[in-house]
Amino acid sequence: MRKILLATLLAAGIAGPAAAAESPKAPAQEWSFGGLFGTLDLASAQRGFQVYKEVCATCHGLYHLSYRNLGDIGFNEEEVKAIAAQATVRDGPNDQGEMFDRPGRPSDRFVRPFANEKAARATNNGAYPPDLSLITKARADGPNYIYGLLTGYGDPPPGTVMGEGMNWNKYFPGHQIAMPPPLTANGVTYSDGTPSSVEQMAKDLVTFLAWSAEPEMEQRKRTGVKVILFLLVLTGLLYAVKRKVWAAVH
């Protein structure tokens, strides 16, 4: 038994780096929220929510977000209420002890696309669609990786043996992914008139998901800048005091 386990671990150790080496790193993109002074592009985040709602929400959930959180990316109170009301929420029990369906409220969590994991796998060829609310933090180089994944679909190289129901993706580890290409050109009609190329939709969706994974990002960066400035001023004051105190000592 120990020999079998050891052989399995050795095989995994050899195959893991090899599989990782097969998948090229997704190219870096220019993100409005990148860097120390980066800020969230609210228009892009709102378009990204539209892509999530119309394309991704049928399979992927946002388990850690409530509808009221959408106010943070520029939706007003009435818009948030309208978005929430489009969802059907299971609630109860009522006075008769029965569960019932009602329109969503801003305080509700985003409705999950499936009742449970087994239902999700049964609908998706055995694959379990991950929650997207923290996806850009859960993957190494998350924003660039997710962008590369969304835009990396194509025809497999000649001689590639594809598994049943699998799709070839340049940036996915092993290159075979169960999820079919989610984005198609002009698949979404943006309300602000922005052309909806695959690259534009991917960038907007990643911007939205980066916010969902770290809603406090801008506040954290502002606090960080203030702390750095405070430390610089404090360092200058301490140096001046040191020079004053030890000025008479030779």
Foldseek 3Di string as FASTA:
>chain_A
DVVVVVVVVVVCVVVVVVLQVQFDFFDDDDAQQDDLQRDFPLLLLVLLVLLCVVFVQLAAAQQPDFLLLNVLSPDDPVRSQVVQQVDWDWDDDDPVGDIDIGGGGRRDGTDHNDPDQVRSCVVQVNDHHYHLLQQQVVDVVRLSLQLQQLPFFDDDDPPDDADPQWTAGRRDRVRTDNDDNRDCFPPDQDPVRDGRHSNSNSSSNSSNSVCSNPVCSNVVSVVVVVVVVVVVVVVVVVVVVVCVVCVPPD
